[in-house]
Amino acid sequence: MAERMTKKATILFPPALYRQIEDEARLQGRSVGELVREAAMIRYGSGGVSARIEAVERLARLDDDVGDPEQIEDEIMRGALEP
């Protein structure tokens, strides 16, 4: 079920950018609002850029010996070839 829209924002765009968004919305058969919401979700929503950056930072803090690159590649290839 789609989330109910309960908040509204007024956003001012430079005319050229708004025309680009309108053109893209028309090409996709969607509304400008849908495209703007989607862009905001990608940037700020769960799974967006912020979440990916946080995940990379958590991975960087891990202290685990994973082996050298050749060993890792060998393990990947064995796993890909095993049924």
C-alpha atoms as a PDB file:
ATOM      1  CA  MET A   1       0.000   0.000   0.000  1.00  0.00           C
ATOM      2  CA  ALA A   2       1.355   3.436  -0.930  1.00  0.00           C
ATOM      3  CA  GLU A   3       2.212   5.789   1.886  1.00  0.00           C
ATOM      4  CA  ARG A   4      -0.371   8.528   2.381  1.00  0.00           C
ATOM      5  CA  MET A   5       0.865  11.994   1.467  1.00  0.00           C
ATOM      6  CA  THR A   6       0.390  14.321   4.426  1.00  0.00           C
ATOM      7  CA  LYS A   7       3.111  16.964   4.061  1.00  0.00           C
ATOM      8  CA  LYS A   8       3.431  19.637   1.411  1.00  0.00           C
ATOM      9  CA  ALA A   9       6.431  21.747   0.369  1.00  0.00           C
ATOM     10  CA  THR A  10       6.717  24.663  -2.000  1.00  0.00           C
ATOM     11  CA  ILE A  11       9.978  24.505  -3.935  1.00  0.00           C
ATOM     12  CA  LEU A  12      11.286  27.210  -6.234  1.00  0.00           C
ATOM     13  CA  PHE A  13      13.335  26.081  -9.245  1.00  0.00           C
ATOM     14  CA  PRO A  14      15.290  28.047 -11.813  1.00  0.00           C
ATOM     15  CA  PRO A  15      13.169  28.061 -14.999  1.00  0.00           C
ATOM     16  CA  ALA A  16      15.632  25.990 -17.049  1.00  0.00           C
ATOM     17  CA  LEU A  17      15.812  23.247 -14.414  1.00  0.00           C
ATOM     18  CA  TYR A  18      12.037  23.151 -14.057  1.00  0.00           C
ATOM     19  CA  ARG A  19      11.665  22.778 -17.847  1.00  0.00           C
ATOM     20  CA  GLN A  20      14.094  19.848 -17.715  1.00  0.00           C
ATOM     21  CA  ILE A  21      12.084  18.199 -14.954  1.00  0.00           C
ATOM     22  CA  GLU A  22       8.818  18.827 -16.815  1.00  0.00           C
ATOM     23  CA  ASP A  23      10.257  17.361 -20.015  1.00  0.00           C
ATOM     24  CA  GLU A  24      11.500  14.264 -18.181  1.00  0.00           C
ATOM     25  CA  ALA A  25       8.163  13.834 -16.411  1.00  0.00           C
ATOM     26  CA  ARG A  26       6.347  14.054 -19.739  1.00  0.00           C
ATOM     27  CA  LEU A  27       8.716  11.487 -21.312  1.00  0.00           C
ATOM     28  CA  GLN A  28       8.126   9.085 -18.422  1.00  0.00           C
ATOM     29  CA  GLY A  29       4.391   9.728 -18.248  1.00  0.00           C
ATOM     30  CA  ARG A  30       4.722  10.867 -14.650  1.00  0.00           C
ATOM     31  CA  SER A  31       4.128  14.068 -12.709  1.00  0.00           C
ATOM     32  CA  VAL A  32       6.789  16.575 -11.707  1.00  0.00           C
ATOM     33  CA  GLY A  33       5.890  15.824  -8.081  1.00  0.00           C
ATOM     34  CA  GLU A  34       6.604  12.111  -8.563  1.00  0.00           C
ATOM     35  CA  LEU A  35      10.045  12.840  -9.989  1.00  0.00           C
ATOM     36  CA  VAL A  36      10.912  15.284  -7.219  1.00  0.00           C
ATOM     37  CA  ARG A  37       9.735  12.831  -4.519  1.00  0.00           C
ATOM     38  CA  GLU A  38      11.737  10.037  -6.133  1.00  0.00           C
ATOM     39  CA  ALA A  39      14.877  12.209  -6.247  1.00  0.00           C
ATOM     40  CA  ALA A  40      14.444  13.163  -2.579  1.00  0.00           C
ATOM     41  CA  MET A  41      13.940   9.508  -1.620  1.00  0.00           C
ATOM     42  CA  ILE A  42      17.079   8.457  -3.500  1.00  0.00           C
ATOM     43  CA  ARG A  43      19.126  11.155  -1.798  1.00  0.00           C
ATOM     44  CA  TYR A  44      17.631  11.159   1.701  1.00  0.00           C
ATOM     45  CA  GLY A  45      15.362   8.130   2.093  1.00  0.00           C
ATOM     46  CA  SER A  46      16.228   4.668   3.339  1.00  0.00           C
ATOM     47  CA  GLY A  47      18.651   3.120   0.908  1.00  0.00           C
ATOM     48  CA  GLY A  48      19.609   6.566  -0.357  1.00  0.00           C
ATOM     49  CA  VAL A  49      23.034   8.118  -0.618  1.00  0.00           C
ATOM     50  CA  SER A  50      23.209   8.864   3.115  1.00  0.00           C
ATOM     51  CA  ALA A  51      22.481   5.243   4.018  1.00  0.00           C
ATOM     52  CA  ARG A  52      25.076   3.976   1.528  1.00  0.00           C
ATOM     53  CA  ILE A  53      27.732   6.340   2.893  1.00  0.00           C
ATOM     54  CA  GLU A  54      26.969   5.181   6.426  1.00  0.00           C
ATOM     55  CA  ALA A  55      27.248   1.526   5.336  1.00  0.00           C
ATOM     56  CA  VAL A  56      30.637   2.154   3.705  1.00  0.00           C
ATOM     57  CA  GLU A  57      31.865   3.917   6.850  1.00  0.00           C
ATOM     58  CA  ARG A  58      30.751   0.937   8.974  1.00  0.00           C
ATOM     59  CA  LEU A  59      32.548  -1.456   6.631  1.00  0.00           C
ATOM     60  CA  ALA A  60      35.697   0.677   6.768  1.00  0.00           C
ATOM     61  CA  ARG A  61      35.704   0.390  10.574  1.00  0.00           C
ATOM     62  CA  LEU A  62      35.676  -3.416  10.448  1.00  0.00           C
ATOM     63  CA  ASP A  63      38.939  -5.005  11.481  1.00  0.00           C
ATOM     64  CA  ASP A  64      38.968  -8.433   9.895  1.00  0.00           C
ATOM     65  CA  ASP A  65      41.626 -10.285   7.920  1.00  0.00           C
ATOM     66  CA  VAL A  66      39.965 -11.206   4.638  1.00  0.00           C
ATOM     67  CA  GLY A  67      43.090 -12.346   2.803  1.00  0.00           C
ATOM     68  CA  ASP A  68      44.870 -10.999  -0.207  1.00  0.00           C
ATOM     69  CA  PRO A  69      43.080 -10.084  -3.455  1.00  0.00           C
ATOM     70  CA  GLU A  70      44.148 -13.265  -5.274  1.00  0.00           C
ATOM     71  CA  GLN A  71      42.781 -15.438  -2.456  1.00  0.00           C
ATOM     72  CA  ILE A  72      39.497 -13.515  -2.443  1.00  0.00           C
ATOM     73  CA  GLU A  73      39.159 -13.833  -6.234  1.00  0.00           C
ATOM     74  CA  ASP A  74      39.843 -17.584  -6.001  1.00  0.00           C
ATOM     75  CA  GLU A  75      37.106 -17.977  -3.355  1.00  0.00           C
ATOM     76  CA  ILE A  76      34.655 -15.994  -5.479  1.00  0.00           C
ATOM     77  CA  MET A  77      35.391 -18.082  -8.566  1.00  0.00           C
ATOM     78  CA  ARG A  78      35.047 -21.376  -6.634  1.00  0.00           C
ATOM     79  CA  GLY A  79      31.727 -20.204  -5.231  1.00  0.00           C
ATOM     80  CA  ALA A  80      30.482 -19.178  -8.668  1.00  0.00           C
ATOM     81  CA  LEU A  81      31.408 -22.539 -10.176  1.00  0.00           C
ATOM     82  CA  GLU A  82      29.987 -24.769  -7.419  1.00  0.00           C
ATOM     83  CA  PRO A  83      26.405 -25.951  -8.032  1.00  0.00           C
END
